[in-house]
Amino acid sequence: MSGSTDDGEELFGAAWRAGRARRQEACLPEGEVTVSCSAPPGSGGLGRHLQEILEALRRRGGEPRCLSGPGAGASGCERISPGIAMGAAGRLARRSPAWRIWAASAGFDAAAARRLPAGGRLIAFSGQARTQLSRAGARGYESRALVAPSAHLAGVEARYREALARYPLEGSWTPRLMRRSLEEYDAAERIYVATRYVWESFAERGIDERRLALLPLMPAARFVPAPRANDSPLFEILYIGSLSVVKGVALLIEAFSRLPGGELRLTLLGGWESRGMRRHIERARAADPRIVVHLGGDPLEHLRRARLYVHPSYEDGFSYASAEALACGVPVILSENTGAKELVVPGRTGLIGPTGDLAWLTDAMAAAHRGEHLDG
């Protein structure tokens, strides 16, 4: 199963990858560049995003300075461990995932700002850049840029409210970071976005499009179709990512539970970030043994067994896992608020449906199981 671009290039082929690499290099700044992100390169979606930026800068012959959180992929970066402050905010952060995200973002930003060099150009990630942008401005940096991995946060918050109203299992981190993110949007001279979906979310909220730059992302080259056809009698539906309400996991479980068939399996690969979601998934597994959870493992192995990949997120600026599934030849079902929809050939490599629509998602998975709509 494959697709092609408007100019006939095969999606995920060598020419397609080379073209995206050139576009990445063309929009990034020259000179001494510092890139900061709380995730280490290659770790999760943020880390992969950081890694692609660093690799693009290096392809041009530069050697960017990297400030990142600690982790296995942080070699070559200055590792920053901000920790969580004591006091009321620190106690809240230890109990609440939403407060923990806020504390980690603010803590990393403050620690990274103290490590900024005397000058150059700054690229920092949204939600964790306010102090760095301010300090870089005071030091006369040549440019200050922001990476926006998701849509404009005002839109993200609205989607998250919808998800959590339906499945009140966890809290939202977006209100904690709203003011910080809006100030970052104003302070940055350039905002890097990975998809037209994210671009349009900023333009619709009055951000001057001259400040926006499209820096496309791509799955790692190791994500290719399995060497042999999948002849398993199981029809495995796969989801990869954070096991959270806002990523559509509770919606996916409810839709899957409506599907009959002992040959169906729903595999969730990822980790939960809240006790409420963990309990919800454990109850679902007890009620339906066709649901399987893996808290770790190589996603490529799972993708090569999957018959369908489903990513019903209420908002996702890109979704590396969806792009990886497509690169492996696995058909996908995505919400319209997922940036990777721009890589889908509708009706051939995947289906794109209304965000949060339980009936549509159930029907789409049932149709894919019957072999309808996706002609491969």
Protein backbone atom coordinates (compact mmCIF):
# COMPACT_ATOMS: atom_id res chain seq x y z
CA MET A 1 0.00 0.00 0.00
CA SER A 2 1.59 3.27 -1.08
CA GLY A 3 0.73 6.73 -2.27
CA SER A 4 2.28 9.54 -4.21
CA THR A 5 2.67 13.30 -4.00
CA ASP A 6 1.12 15.76 -6.44
CA ASP A 7 4.30 15.69 -8.55
CA GLY A 8 4.30 11.87 -8.75
CA GLU A 9 6.97 11.15 -6.11
CA GLU A 10 6.36 7.99 -4.12
CA LEU A 11 5.47 8.83 -0.53
CA PHE A 12 8.27 7.79 1.85
CA GLY A 13 10.55 6.94 -1.10
CA ALA A 14 14.10 8.23 -1.53
CA ALA A 15 13.11 11.25 -3.63
CA TRP A 16 10.34 12.20 -1.18
CA ARG A 17 12.73 12.00 1.77
CA ALA A 18 15.40 14.00 -0.05
CA GLY A 19 12.89 16.71 -0.88
CA ARG A 20 11.71 17.02 2.71
CA ALA A 21 15.31 17.11 3.93
CA ARG A 22 16.06 20.01 1.57
CA ARG A 23 13.00 21.89 2.80
CA GLN A 24 14.10 21.41 6.41
CA GLU A 25 17.57 22.75 5.68
CA ALA A 26 16.27 25.72 3.70
CA CYS A 27 14.08 27.13 6.45
CA LEU A 28 16.52 26.81 9.36
CA PRO A 29 18.89 29.63 10.34
CA GLU A 30 22.61 29.70 9.62
CA GLY A 31 25.39 30.55 12.02
CA GLU A 32 25.69 29.62 15.69
CA VAL A 33 22.40 27.96 16.65
CA THR A 34 21.25 26.75 20.07
CA VAL A 35 18.32 24.30 20.07
CA SER A 36 16.59 23.44 23.34
CA CYS A 37 13.95 20.84 24.19
CA SER A 38 13.01 19.10 27.43
CA ALA A 39 13.05 15.69 25.69
CA PRO A 40 16.35 14.12 24.62
CA PRO A 41 16.83 13.59 20.88
CA GLY A 42 14.86 10.62 19.56
CA SER A 43 12.72 10.18 22.67
CA GLY A 44 9.00 10.30 21.89
CA GLY A 45 7.42 12.79 19.55
CA LEU A 46 9.20 15.85 20.97
CA GLY A 47 12.54 14.09 20.94
CA ARG A 48 12.11 12.94 17.33
CA HIS A 49 11.16 16.50 16.38
CA LEU A 50 14.31 17.79 18.08
CA GLN A 51 16.41 15.12 16.40
CA GLU A 52 15.21 16.08 12.92
CA ILE A 53 16.08 19.74 13.53
CA LEU A 54 19.56 18.86 14.78
CA GLU A 55 20.18 16.51 11.85
CA ALA A 56 19.08 19.15 9.34
CA LEU A 57 21.44 21.71 10.84
CA ARG A 58 24.30 19.20 10.77
CA ARG A 59 23.64 18.25 7.14
CA ARG A 60 24.42 21.85 6.27
CA GLY A 61 27.79 21.54 7.99
CA GLY A 62 26.86 23.24 11.24
CA GLU A 63 27.28 21.94 14.77
CA PRO A 64 24.33 23.26 16.78
CA ARG A 65 24.47 23.51 20.51
CA CYS A 66 21.77 21.31 22.06
CA LEU A 67 20.18 21.74 25.47
CA SER A 68 17.94 18.80 26.36
CA GLY A 69 16.48 16.80 29.16
CA PRO A 70 18.43 13.74 30.35
CA GLY A 71 17.98 10.38 28.68
CA ALA A 72 19.54 7.72 26.50
CA GLY A 73 19.51 9.91 23.40
CA ALA A 74 21.06 12.97 25.01
CA SER A 75 24.69 12.27 24.08
CA GLY A 76 26.08 15.38 22.43
CA CYS A 77 23.59 17.59 24.29
CA GLU A 78 23.97 19.52 27.52
CA ARG A 79 21.66 17.59 29.84
CA ILE A 80 19.38 19.64 32.02
CA SER A 81 17.54 18.16 35.02
CA PRO A 82 15.45 20.99 36.46
CA GLY A 83 13.70 18.88 39.11
CA ILE A 84 10.48 19.99 40.81
CA ALA A 85 10.51 22.84 43.26
CA MET A 86 9.35 22.36 46.84
CA GLY A 87 6.36 24.17 48.26
CA ALA A 88 2.69 24.08 47.25
CA ALA A 89 3.37 23.93 43.51
CA GLY A 90 5.85 21.13 44.00
CA ARG A 91 3.41 19.09 46.07
CA LEU A 92 0.70 19.58 43.44
CA ALA A 93 3.12 18.55 40.70
CA ARG A 94 3.85 15.29 42.46
CA ARG A 95 0.14 14.40 42.67
CA SER A 96 -1.23 15.85 39.42
CA PRO A 97 -0.02 15.04 35.87
CA ALA A 98 -1.22 18.46 34.68
CA TRP A 99 0.77 20.29 37.36
CA ARG A 100 3.72 17.98 36.75
CA ILE A 101 3.82 18.97 33.06
CA TRP A 102 3.65 22.65 34.02
CA ALA A 103 6.42 22.30 36.61
CA ALA A 104 8.66 20.34 34.24
CA SER A 105 8.14 22.84 31.41
CA ALA A 106 8.76 25.92 33.56
CA GLY A 107 11.68 24.27 35.34
CA PHE A 108 13.40 23.23 32.12
CA ASP A 109 12.89 26.69 30.62
CA ALA A 110 14.45 28.43 33.63
CA ALA A 111 17.40 26.02 33.75
CA ALA A 112 18.01 26.19 29.99
CA ALA A 113 17.90 30.00 30.06
CA ARG A 114 20.76 29.99 32.54
CA ARG A 115 22.80 27.84 30.13
CA LEU A 116 22.29 29.96 27.02
CA PRO A 117 25.53 31.13 25.37
CA ALA A 118 26.28 34.82 25.04
CA GLY A 119 24.84 35.14 21.53
CA GLY A 120 23.76 33.42 18.36
CA ARG A 121 20.36 32.15 17.28
CA LEU A 122 17.82 30.34 19.46
CA ILE A 123 15.30 27.63 18.58
CA ALA A 124 13.18 26.51 21.55
CA PHE A 125 10.04 24.41 21.91
CA SER A 126 6.61 25.83 22.74
CA GLY A 127 5.49 25.71 26.37
CA GLN A 128 9.06 25.63 27.66
CA ALA A 129 10.64 28.68 26.02
CA ARG A 130 9.33 31.91 27.60
CA THR A 131 12.35 32.62 29.83
CA GLN A 132 14.80 31.58 27.11
CA LEU A 133 13.20 33.87 24.53
CA SER A 134 13.33 36.77 26.98
CA ARG A 135 16.97 36.18 27.90
CA ALA A 136 18.00 35.71 24.27
CA GLY A 137 16.31 39.02 23.45
CA ALA A 138 18.14 40.79 26.27
CA ARG A 139 21.44 39.38 25.01
CA GLY A 140 20.88 40.60 21.49
CA TYR A 141 20.49 37.24 19.77
CA GLU A 142 20.33 37.46 15.99
CA SER A 143 17.04 35.53 15.95
CA ARG A 144 14.65 33.81 18.33
CA ALA A 145 12.44 31.03 17.02
CA LEU A 146 9.77 28.77 18.50
CA VAL A 147 8.91 25.21 17.51
CA ALA A 148 5.16 24.56 17.76
CA PRO A 149 4.66 20.76 17.84
CA SER A 150 0.89 21.16 18.22
CA ALA A 151 -1.73 23.51 16.88
CA HIS A 152 -2.26 26.92 18.47
CA LEU A 153 -2.87 26.19 22.15
CA ALA A 154 -6.21 28.00 22.19
CA GLY A 155 -7.51 25.45 19.72
CA VAL A 156 -5.84 22.57 21.53
CA GLU A 157 -7.50 23.58 24.79
CA ALA A 158 -10.95 23.54 23.16
CA ARG A 159 -10.37 20.03 21.79
CA TYR A 160 -9.09 18.81 25.15
CA ARG A 161 -12.12 20.23 26.97
CA GLU A 162 -14.33 18.23 24.64
CA ALA A 163 -12.39 15.02 25.30
CA LEU A 164 -12.33 15.41 29.07
CA ALA A 165 -16.01 16.34 29.27
CA ARG A 166 -16.80 13.00 27.66
CA TYR A 167 -14.23 10.97 29.58
CA PRO A 168 -13.48 12.77 32.88
CA LEU A 169 -10.58 10.51 33.82
CA GLU A 170 -7.71 12.99 34.06
CA GLY A 171 -6.93 16.69 34.13
CA SER A 172 -5.77 18.91 31.28
CA TRP A 173 -2.36 20.57 31.24
CA THR A 174 -3.36 23.22 28.69
CA PRO A 175 -4.77 25.85 31.11
CA ARG A 176 -1.52 25.75 33.09
CA LEU A 177 0.53 26.57 29.99
CA MET A 178 -1.88 28.88 28.16
CA ARG A 179 -0.51 32.23 29.31
CA ARG A 180 3.08 31.03 28.94
CA SER A 181 2.45 29.77 25.39
CA LEU A 182 0.64 32.91 24.23
CA GLU A 183 3.55 35.04 25.47
CA GLU A 184 5.96 32.77 23.61
CA TYR A 185 3.96 33.16 20.38
CA ASP A 186 4.27 36.94 20.73
CA ALA A 187 7.97 36.90 21.61
CA ALA A 188 9.20 34.58 18.85
CA GLU A 189 10.29 36.15 15.58
CA ARG A 190 9.63 32.88 13.75
CA ILE A 191 7.38 29.91 14.55
CA TYR A 192 8.23 26.53 13.03
CA VAL A 193 5.28 24.25 12.25
CA ALA A 194 5.36 20.73 10.79
CA THR A 195 2.04 20.62 8.91
CA ARG A 196 -0.43 22.86 7.12
CA TYR A 197 -2.94 21.86 9.77
CA VAL A 198 -0.82 23.54 12.45
CA TRP A 199 -0.04 26.48 10.15
CA GLU A 200 -3.73 27.17 9.60
CA SER A 201 -4.48 27.00 13.34
CA PHE A 202 -2.05 29.88 13.90
CA ALA A 203 -3.18 31.89 10.89
CA GLU A 204 -6.82 31.59 11.99
CA ARG A 205 -5.90 33.18 15.33
CA GLY A 206 -4.22 36.21 13.80
CA ILE A 207 -0.57 35.15 13.73
CA ASP A 208 1.11 36.88 10.78
CA GLU A 209 1.84 34.11 8.26
CA ARG A 210 5.15 35.79 7.44
CA ARG A 211 6.31 34.65 10.88
CA LEU A 212 5.42 31.01 10.17
CA ALA A 213 7.84 28.52 8.60
CA LEU A 214 6.92 25.02 7.45
CA LEU A 215 9.51 22.50 8.61
CA PRO A 216 8.19 19.09 7.46
CA LEU A 217 8.86 15.92 9.45
CA MET A 218 9.29 12.33 8.32
CA PRO A 219 9.45 8.86 9.87
CA ALA A 220 12.84 7.24 10.35
CA ALA A 221 14.09 5.33 7.31
CA ARG A 222 13.87 1.98 9.13
CA PHE A 223 10.08 2.08 8.93
CA VAL A 224 9.42 0.07 5.78
CA PRO A 225 6.88 -2.67 4.96
CA ALA A 226 7.42 -6.16 6.34
CA PRO A 227 9.38 -8.47 4.00
CA ARG A 228 6.58 -11.05 4.11
CA ALA A 229 2.81 -10.78 3.94
CA ASN A 230 0.98 -11.02 7.24
CA ASP A 231 -0.83 -14.37 7.18
CA SER A 232 -1.97 -14.36 10.82
CA PRO A 233 -5.68 -15.08 11.37
CA LEU A 234 -5.74 -12.22 13.89
CA PHE A 235 -6.88 -8.80 12.73
CA GLU A 236 -4.75 -6.60 14.95
CA ILE A 237 -5.69 -2.95 15.42
CA LEU A 238 -2.78 -0.94 16.80
CA TYR A 239 -2.38 2.35 18.64
CA ILE A 240 1.04 3.75 19.64
CA GLY A 241 1.57 6.70 21.95
CA SER A 242 0.52 8.18 25.26
CA LEU A 243 -2.39 6.25 26.74
CA SER A 244 -4.44 9.33 27.55
CA VAL A 245 -7.95 10.64 27.04
CA VAL A 246 -6.82 13.52 24.83
CA LYS A 247 -5.09 11.11 22.44
CA GLY A 248 -8.44 9.42 21.93
CA VAL A 249 -7.58 6.18 23.72
CA ALA A 250 -10.77 6.03 25.79
CA LEU A 251 -12.76 6.72 22.61
CA LEU A 252 -10.86 3.97 20.78
CA ILE A 253 -11.53 1.45 23.54
CA GLU A 254 -15.25 2.26 23.55
CA ALA A 255 -15.45 1.95 19.76
CA PHE A 256 -13.52 -1.32 19.73
CA SER A 257 -15.73 -2.81 22.45
CA ARG A 258 -18.69 -2.46 20.06
CA LEU A 259 -17.04 -4.66 17.42
CA PRO A 260 -17.82 -8.39 17.45
CA GLY A 261 -15.27 -10.99 16.44
CA GLY A 262 -12.84 -13.21 18.34
CA GLU A 263 -10.20 -12.67 15.64
CA LEU A 264 -10.02 -8.96 16.47
CA ARG A 265 -7.36 -7.62 18.81
CA LEU A 266 -6.69 -4.09 20.01
CA THR A 267 -3.05 -3.50 20.95
CA LEU A 268 -2.14 -0.36 22.87
CA LEU A 269 1.58 0.41 22.92
CA GLY A 270 2.53 3.17 25.32
CA GLY A 271 2.26 4.28 28.93
CA TRP A 272 -0.47 5.96 30.94
CA GLU A 273 0.21 9.27 32.62
CA SER A 274 -2.64 9.26 35.14
CA ARG A 275 -4.12 6.83 37.64
CA GLY A 276 -7.58 7.49 36.22
CA MET A 277 -6.54 6.32 32.75
CA ARG A 278 -4.69 3.31 34.13
CA ARG A 279 -7.79 2.17 36.03
CA HIS A 280 -9.99 2.76 32.99
CA ILE A 281 -7.76 0.61 30.78
CA GLU A 282 -7.47 -2.11 33.40
CA ARG A 283 -11.27 -2.30 33.65
CA ALA A 284 -11.54 -2.45 29.87
CA ARG A 285 -9.00 -5.28 29.68
CA ALA A 286 -10.84 -7.23 32.37
CA ALA A 287 -14.11 -6.85 30.45
CA ASP A 288 -12.61 -7.61 27.02
CA PRO A 289 -9.57 -9.91 26.85
CA ARG A 290 -9.08 -8.90 23.20
CA ILE A 291 -7.49 -5.67 24.49
CA VAL A 292 -3.73 -5.96 25.03
CA VAL A 293 -1.38 -3.35 26.51
CA HIS A 294 2.40 -3.18 26.04
CA LEU A 295 4.18 -0.56 28.12
CA GLY A 296 7.31 -0.75 25.97
CA GLY A 297 8.86 -2.36 22.94
CA ASP A 298 9.96 -1.58 19.40
CA PRO A 299 7.04 -0.04 17.49
CA LEU A 300 8.35 -1.46 14.21
CA GLU A 301 7.75 -5.03 15.40
CA HIS A 302 4.17 -4.18 16.28
CA LEU A 303 3.55 -2.29 13.05
CA ARG A 304 4.67 -5.27 10.99
CA ARG A 305 2.03 -7.42 12.67
CA ALA A 306 -0.77 -4.84 12.56
CA ARG A 307 -3.57 -4.91 10.01
CA LEU A 308 -4.82 -1.42 10.90
CA TYR A 309 -3.42 1.57 12.76
CA VAL A 310 -5.86 3.90 14.53
CA HIS A 311 -4.97 7.32 15.93
CA PRO A 312 -8.21 9.04 17.05
CA SER A 313 -6.48 11.92 18.85
CA TYR A 314 -8.45 15.00 19.79
CA GLU A 315 -5.40 17.00 18.67
CA ASP A 316 -1.97 16.07 17.36
CA GLY A 317 0.22 18.46 15.40
CA PHE A 318 1.86 15.61 13.47
CA SER A 319 1.86 12.06 14.99
CA TYR A 320 5.05 10.24 14.16
CA ALA A 321 3.39 6.89 14.87
CA SER A 322 0.78 7.49 12.16
CA ALA A 323 3.50 8.41 9.65
CA GLU A 324 5.47 5.32 10.66
CA ALA A 325 2.41 3.12 10.10
CA LEU A 326 1.90 4.58 6.62
CA ALA A 327 5.59 4.09 5.81
CA CYS A 328 5.21 0.43 6.82
CA GLY A 329 2.24 0.02 4.49
CA VAL A 330 -0.31 -0.26 7.31
CA PRO A 331 -3.63 1.49 6.57
CA VAL A 332 -4.58 4.15 9.09
CA ILE A 333 -7.67 5.74 10.57
CA LEU A 334 -7.02 9.28 11.81
CA SER A 335 -9.01 12.13 13.28
CA GLU A 336 -9.19 15.32 11.23
CA ASN A 337 -7.24 17.06 14.03
CA THR A 338 -4.12 15.00 13.35
CA GLY A 339 -1.43 16.65 11.20
CA ALA A 340 -0.29 13.35 9.63
CA LYS A 341 -3.60 13.27 7.74
CA GLU A 342 -1.71 15.23 5.07
CA LEU A 343 0.22 12.04 4.26
CA VAL A 344 -2.93 9.94 3.75
CA VAL A 345 -4.40 9.07 0.37
CA PRO A 346 -8.08 8.87 1.46
CA GLY A 347 -9.75 5.59 0.58
CA ARG A 348 -6.45 4.02 -0.35
CA THR A 349 -3.97 4.32 2.49
CA GLY A 350 -6.34 5.51 5.17
CA LEU A 351 -9.51 7.19 6.35
CA ILE A 352 -9.85 10.60 8.01
CA GLY A 353 -12.91 11.21 10.15
CA PRO A 354 -14.54 13.72 12.47
CA THR A 355 -12.72 14.12 15.76
CA GLY A 356 -14.43 12.51 18.74
CA ASP A 357 -17.18 10.83 16.68
CA LEU A 358 -17.73 7.43 18.30
CA ALA A 359 -20.20 6.13 15.72
CA TRP A 360 -17.97 7.10 12.79
CA LEU A 361 -14.89 5.53 14.37
CA THR A 362 -16.74 2.29 15.14
CA ASP A 363 -18.10 2.04 11.61
CA ALA A 364 -14.70 2.87 10.05
CA MET A 365 -12.91 0.12 11.99
CA ALA A 366 -15.67 -2.37 11.16
CA ALA A 367 -15.45 -1.47 7.46
CA ALA A 368 -11.66 -1.83 7.48
CA HIS A 369 -12.04 -5.24 9.10
CA ARG A 370 -14.43 -6.26 6.30
CA GLY A 371 -11.97 -5.01 3.70
CA GLU A 372 -14.10 -2.07 2.61
CA HIS A 373 -13.11 1.55 1.82
CA LEU A 374 -9.34 0.90 1.81
CA ASP A 375 -8.47 -0.51 -1.59
CA GLY A 376 -4.71 -0.88 -0.94
